[in-house]
Protein backbone atom coordinates (compact mmCIF):
# COMPACT_ATOMS: atom_id res chain seq x y z
CA MET A 1 -0.69 26.24 35.09
CA THR A 2 -3.60 24.06 36.22
CA VAL A 3 -3.02 21.32 38.77
CA VAL A 4 -5.36 18.34 38.44
CA GLU A 5 -5.41 16.23 41.60
CA MET A 6 -6.02 12.51 41.10
CA GLU A 7 -5.94 9.31 43.09
CA VAL A 8 -4.61 6.22 41.34
CA THR A 9 -5.10 2.80 42.92
CA LEU A 10 -2.10 0.49 42.36
CA SER A 11 -3.64 -2.94 42.67
CA SER A 12 -0.48 -5.06 42.44
CA VAL A 13 1.54 -3.21 45.12
CA THR A 14 1.49 -4.07 48.82
CA PHE A 15 1.58 -1.13 51.16
CA THR A 16 4.52 -0.85 53.57
CA ALA A 17 5.41 1.83 56.08
CA ASP A 18 8.45 3.05 54.14
CA LEU A 19 6.14 4.20 51.34
CA GLN A 20 5.09 7.01 53.66
CA ASP A 21 8.62 8.43 53.71
CA SER A 22 9.70 10.16 50.50
CA SER A 23 13.37 9.68 51.35
CA THR A 24 13.23 5.89 51.26
CA GLU A 25 14.26 3.77 48.31
CA ALA A 26 10.84 2.08 48.20
CA PHE A 27 9.08 5.44 47.86
CA GLN A 28 11.45 6.72 45.20
CA THR A 29 11.32 3.50 43.17
CA LEU A 30 7.53 3.31 43.15
CA SER A 31 7.28 7.05 42.52
CA ALA A 32 9.52 6.73 39.46
CA GLN A 33 7.36 3.89 38.09
CA VAL A 34 4.18 5.91 38.57
CA ILE A 35 5.66 9.02 36.92
CA ALA A 36 6.93 6.98 33.95
CA ALA A 37 3.48 5.41 33.50
CA MET A 38 1.72 8.79 33.69
CA ASP A 39 4.20 10.39 31.27
CA SER A 40 3.47 7.68 28.70
CA VAL A 41 -0.24 8.47 28.97
CA TYR A 42 -0.07 12.27 28.93
CA LEU A 43 2.96 12.90 26.74
CA ASP A 44 0.83 14.10 23.81
CA TYR A 45 -1.81 15.83 25.91
CA PRO A 46 -2.09 19.54 24.98
CA GLY A 47 -0.22 21.66 27.52
CA PHE A 48 1.09 18.71 29.54
CA GLY A 49 3.70 19.93 32.03
CA GLY A 50 4.55 16.81 34.01
CA VAL A 51 3.41 14.66 36.95
CA THR A 52 4.38 14.80 40.60
CA VAL A 53 3.71 12.17 43.26
CA GLN A 54 2.48 13.70 46.51
CA GLY A 55 2.45 10.47 48.50
CA PHE A 56 1.17 6.93 48.97
CA ARG A 57 -1.62 5.67 51.22
CA PRO A 58 -2.91 2.22 52.11
CA GLY A 59 -5.81 0.70 50.19
CA SER A 60 -3.71 -1.73 48.26
CA VAL A 61 -1.67 1.38 47.50
CA ILE A 62 -3.25 4.68 46.59
CA ALA A 63 -0.97 7.16 44.86
CA ASP A 64 -1.87 10.83 45.22
CA ILE A 65 -0.62 12.54 42.07
CA ASP A 66 -0.80 15.98 40.51
CA VAL A 67 -0.97 16.36 36.74
CA LEU A 68 0.22 19.77 35.54
CA ILE A 69 -1.59 21.19 32.51
CA ASP A 70 -1.10 24.58 30.87
CA SER A 71 -4.57 25.28 29.45
CA GLN A 72 -7.29 27.92 29.44
CA GLU A 73 -10.13 25.38 29.66
CA GLU A 74 -9.93 25.01 33.43
CA ALA A 75 -13.65 24.39 33.92
CA GLU A 76 -13.52 21.05 32.12
CA MET A 77 -9.97 20.10 33.00
CA PRO A 78 -10.30 17.68 35.96
CA LEU A 79 -12.63 15.15 34.35
CA ALA A 80 -11.08 15.65 30.90
CA VAL A 81 -7.59 14.91 32.23
CA ALA A 82 -8.76 11.95 34.32
CA SER A 83 -10.63 10.51 31.33
CA VAL A 84 -7.35 10.13 29.44
CA LEU A 85 -5.87 7.96 32.19
CA GLN A 86 -9.05 5.92 32.63
CA THR A 87 -9.21 5.29 28.88
CA ALA A 88 -5.59 4.13 28.89
CA VAL A 89 -6.34 1.80 31.79
CA THR A 90 -9.36 0.32 29.97
CA ASN A 91 -7.50 -0.13 26.67
CA GLY A 92 -4.52 -1.70 28.45
CA ASN A 93 -6.65 -4.15 30.44
CA GLY A 94 -5.58 -2.50 33.66
CA MET A 95 -1.91 -2.02 32.77
CA VAL A 96 -0.31 1.36 32.21
CA GLY A 97 3.35 0.84 31.45
CA GLU A 98 4.71 -1.35 34.26
CA VAL A 99 1.99 -0.30 36.70
CA GLU A 100 -1.27 -2.18 37.23
CA VAL A 101 -4.04 0.32 37.89
CA GLY A 102 -7.19 -0.74 39.69
CA GLY A 103 -9.00 2.58 39.71
CA VAL A 104 -8.83 6.31 38.93
CA ALA A 105 -10.45 9.14 40.90
CA VAL A 106 -10.35 12.90 40.46
CA ARG A 107 -10.71 15.64 43.05
CA GLU A 108 -13.12 18.42 42.07
CA ASN A 109 -14.03 21.28 44.39
CA GLY A 110 -12.58 19.41 47.33
CA VAL A 111 -14.59 16.25 46.60
CA THR A 112 -12.97 13.07 45.27
CA VAL A 113 -15.08 11.13 42.75
CA GLU A 114 -14.30 7.92 40.93
CA VAL A 115 -13.91 8.08 37.16
CA VAL A 116 -15.34 5.10 35.27
CA VAL A 117 -16.00 4.21 31.66
CA CYS A 118 -19.66 4.49 30.68
CA SER A 119 -21.77 3.87 27.60
CA ALA A 120 -24.95 5.93 28.05
CA SER A 121 -25.26 8.62 25.32
CA CYS A 122 -21.93 7.44 23.93
CA HIS A 123 -21.28 6.28 20.38
CA ASP A 124 -19.75 2.86 19.78
CA ASP A 125 -16.59 4.35 18.25
CA MET A 126 -15.66 6.56 21.21
CA THR A 127 -14.78 6.15 24.89
CA CYS A 128 -16.91 7.99 27.42
CA VAL A 129 -16.46 8.44 31.17
CA THR A 130 -18.45 9.63 34.14
CA SER A 131 -17.60 10.94 37.58
CA GLY A 132 -21.01 10.09 39.00
CA GLU A 133 -23.06 12.48 36.89
CA GLU A 134 -23.48 12.57 33.12
CA CYS A 135 -21.74 10.20 30.75
CA ARG A 136 -19.63 12.16 28.30
CA SER A 137 -16.66 11.99 26.00
CA PHE A 138 -13.59 14.16 25.46
CA CYS A 139 -11.41 14.72 22.42
CA THR A 140 -8.32 14.31 24.58
CA SER A 141 -9.27 10.72 25.43
CA ASN A 142 -10.47 9.92 21.88
CA THR A 143 -7.50 11.06 19.83
CA GLU A 144 -8.22 8.61 16.98
CA TYR A 145 -11.94 9.28 16.70
CA CYS A 146 -11.72 11.79 13.81
CA LEU A 147 -10.18 10.33 10.65
CA ASN A 148 -8.35 11.74 7.61
CA GLY A 149 -7.10 14.85 9.35
CA GLY A 150 -10.46 15.79 10.88
CA THR A 151 -10.43 18.13 13.87
CA CYS A 152 -12.20 16.87 17.00
CA GLN A 153 -14.58 19.20 18.82
CA ASP A 154 -16.14 18.53 22.23
CA ARG A 155 -19.93 18.65 21.97
CA ASN A 156 -21.17 17.45 25.33
CA PRO A 157 -22.01 14.61 25.62
CA VAL A 158 -20.52 13.44 22.31
CA LEU A 159 -17.87 14.55 19.82
CA GLU A 160 -18.02 16.18 16.42
CA CYS A 161 -15.41 16.11 13.68
CA ARG A 162 -14.66 19.07 11.44
CA CYS A 163 -13.38 17.65 8.17
CA PRO A 164 -10.50 19.34 6.29
CA SER A 165 -11.80 22.26 4.19
CA ASP A 166 -8.70 22.93 2.05
CA VAL A 167 -10.01 23.08 -1.54
CA ALA A 168 -6.60 22.52 -3.16
CA THR A 169 -6.60 18.78 -2.46
CA VAL A 170 -7.34 15.66 -4.49
CA TYR A 171 -9.83 14.25 -1.99
CA GLN A 172 -12.46 15.70 0.28
CA TYR A 173 -13.93 13.95 3.30
CA SER A 174 -17.35 13.87 4.89
CA GLY A 175 -19.35 11.92 7.47
CA PRO A 176 -19.52 12.03 11.29
CA ARG A 177 -15.87 10.95 11.54
CA CYS A 178 -14.66 12.30 8.16
CA GLN A 179 -14.58 8.68 7.06
CA ASN A 180 -16.15 9.12 3.60
CA GLU A 181 -13.68 9.85 0.82
CA GLY A 182 -14.49 11.46 -2.53
CA LEU A 183 -12.81 13.54 -5.22
CA SER A 184 -12.73 17.23 -4.37
CA VAL A 185 -14.49 19.83 -6.51
CA PHE A 186 -11.10 21.45 -7.14
CA PHE A 187 -9.65 18.23 -8.55
CA ILE A 188 -12.68 17.56 -10.76
CA ALA A 189 -12.50 21.12 -12.13
CA MET A 190 -8.78 20.70 -12.76
CA ILE A 191 -9.36 17.49 -14.74
CA ALA A 192 -12.15 19.13 -16.76
CA GLY A 193 -9.90 22.10 -17.55
CA ALA A 194 -7.07 19.81 -18.65
CA CYS A 195 -9.43 17.89 -20.97
CA ALA A 196 -10.70 21.14 -22.46
CA LEU A 197 -7.13 22.33 -23.06
CA VAL A 198 -6.20 19.07 -24.80
CA PHE A 199 -9.29 19.39 -27.02
CA ILE A 200 -8.42 22.97 -28.00
CA VAL A 201 -4.83 22.02 -28.82
CA ALA A 202 -6.01 19.06 -30.91
CA VAL A 203 -8.41 21.27 -32.88
CA GLY A 204 -5.67 23.84 -33.45
CA LEU A 205 -3.27 21.21 -34.77
CA ALA A 206 -5.95 19.81 -37.04
CA VAL A 207 -6.59 23.24 -38.54
CA GLN A 208 -2.88 23.85 -39.08
CA CYS A 209 -2.38 20.50 -40.79
CA TRP A 210 -5.50 20.68 -43.00
CA PRO A 211 -4.42 20.92 -46.74
CA ARG A 212 -5.04 24.28 -48.40
CA GLY A 213 -5.77 24.88 -52.12
CA LYS A 214 -5.91 22.23 -54.81
CA PRO A 215 -3.62 19.23 -54.73
CA LYS A 216 -0.73 19.01 -57.14
CA THR A 217 -1.50 17.51 -60.49
CA SER A 218 -0.24 14.12 -61.49
CA ASN A 219 1.71 13.28 -64.63
CA GLY A 220 -1.57 12.29 -66.24
CA ASP A 221 -3.03 15.76 -65.60
CA ALA A 222 0.06 17.39 -67.10
CA GLN A 223 -0.31 15.27 -70.23
CA ALA A 224 -3.96 16.34 -70.53
CA VAL A 225 -2.90 19.99 -70.36
CA LEU A 226 -0.37 19.47 -73.10
CA GLU A 227 -2.94 17.84 -75.34
CA SER A 228 -5.42 20.66 -74.66
CA ALA A 229 -2.80 23.25 -75.51
CA GLU A 230 -2.05 21.50 -78.80
CA SER A 231 -5.76 21.37 -79.62
CA LYS A 232 -5.99 25.15 -79.12
CA GLN A 233 -3.15 25.53 -81.57
CA ASN A 234 -5.32 23.71 -84.06
CA GLY A 235 -8.25 26.02 -83.36
CA VAL A 236 -10.07 24.02 -80.66
CA PRO A 237 -11.27 26.26 -77.73
CA MET A 238 -10.26 25.42 -74.14
CA GLU A 239 -12.90 25.67 -71.39
CA ASN A 240 -10.75 24.87 -68.35
CA LYS A 241 -9.47 27.83 -66.36
CA GLY A 242 -6.10 26.16 -65.90
CA ILE A 243 -5.89 25.50 -69.63
CA ASP A 244 -6.72 29.17 -70.37
CA ASN A 245 -3.77 30.18 -68.22
CA VAL A 246 -1.54 27.85 -70.16
CA ALA A 247 -2.93 29.12 -73.46
CA ALA A 248 -2.03 32.66 -72.43
CA ASN A 249 1.58 31.55 -72.48
CA ILE A 250 1.41 30.12 -75.98
CA GLN A 251 3.33 32.16 -78.49
CA ASP A 252 1.34 34.11 -81.14
CA ASN A 253 2.80 32.03 -83.96
CA GLY A 254 0.88 29.01 -82.61
CA THR A 255 3.74 27.07 -81.10
CA VAL A 256 3.65 25.76 -77.50
CA ALA A 257 6.14 27.62 -75.33
CA GLY A 258 8.62 25.19 -74.00
CA SER A 259 8.60 21.48 -73.81
CA GLU A 260 5.98 19.09 -72.46
CA LYS A 261 7.65 19.29 -69.07
CA ALA A 262 7.44 23.10 -69.04
CA VAL A 263 3.71 23.08 -69.85
CA ALA A 264 2.93 20.56 -67.14
CA GLN A 265 4.95 22.55 -64.62
CA GLN A 266 3.13 25.74 -65.59
CA TYR A 267 -0.26 24.14 -64.98
CA GLU A 268 0.80 22.82 -61.63
CA GLU A 269 1.79 26.29 -60.56
CA ASP A 270 -1.48 27.78 -61.83
CA SER A 271 -3.51 25.15 -60.02
CA TRP A 272 -2.52 26.65 -56.63
CA LEU A 273 -3.72 30.11 -57.56
């Protein structure tokens, strides 16, 4: 557990002697207000373990607080943690919960330095701070910098966003903040495959429904067959293949087998051969 020591100036509180005694009501009341304000700021901070108030000193009122963080990145912790509070103060026009904050300082290596918002080497869409040296930003104090599920990465002095790389999504994102939206390659390929499948099915149905063989003959065609058969009976040759098939069914004595209806039906059947 890392303990980050900070000094928070409470600009709207007047210092009194009873604030130096932790058993007094004044100390406990103000301490509860400070802890509630800090909890609202750090509640979503990775590894946040709580805030303790070590005491109050004059200077308006200066609260000495410890912020407990469970993290492996101890080298960057003090300024990173303090930047979250300073950003909250700036965004709230000096108010954090019910507490008016006039300043934030962090203690590093036994030296207390003031944390202020800066703009040098900082993009317009992010908040940067300095403790007297370089101006830099932190992901922890710019939680809304990366959009559309992008993952923030600290790249001193600025931030970088790693956009979602899951291919099985409808959209893919790009740009410094993952702000650009476009259809993913996976979705485009899926649409193309669906169109190809619909085309194949349509072709298959067309082939199945396409008429095979010759169409059935009409009543007029049947009548023509009958007349041709009668002409063969009288010695007139028949050139049509369908008529030859009918003629093969004519009895040797020269009579037409069956009635006009039977001859027409026979030709219709032969037409599909």
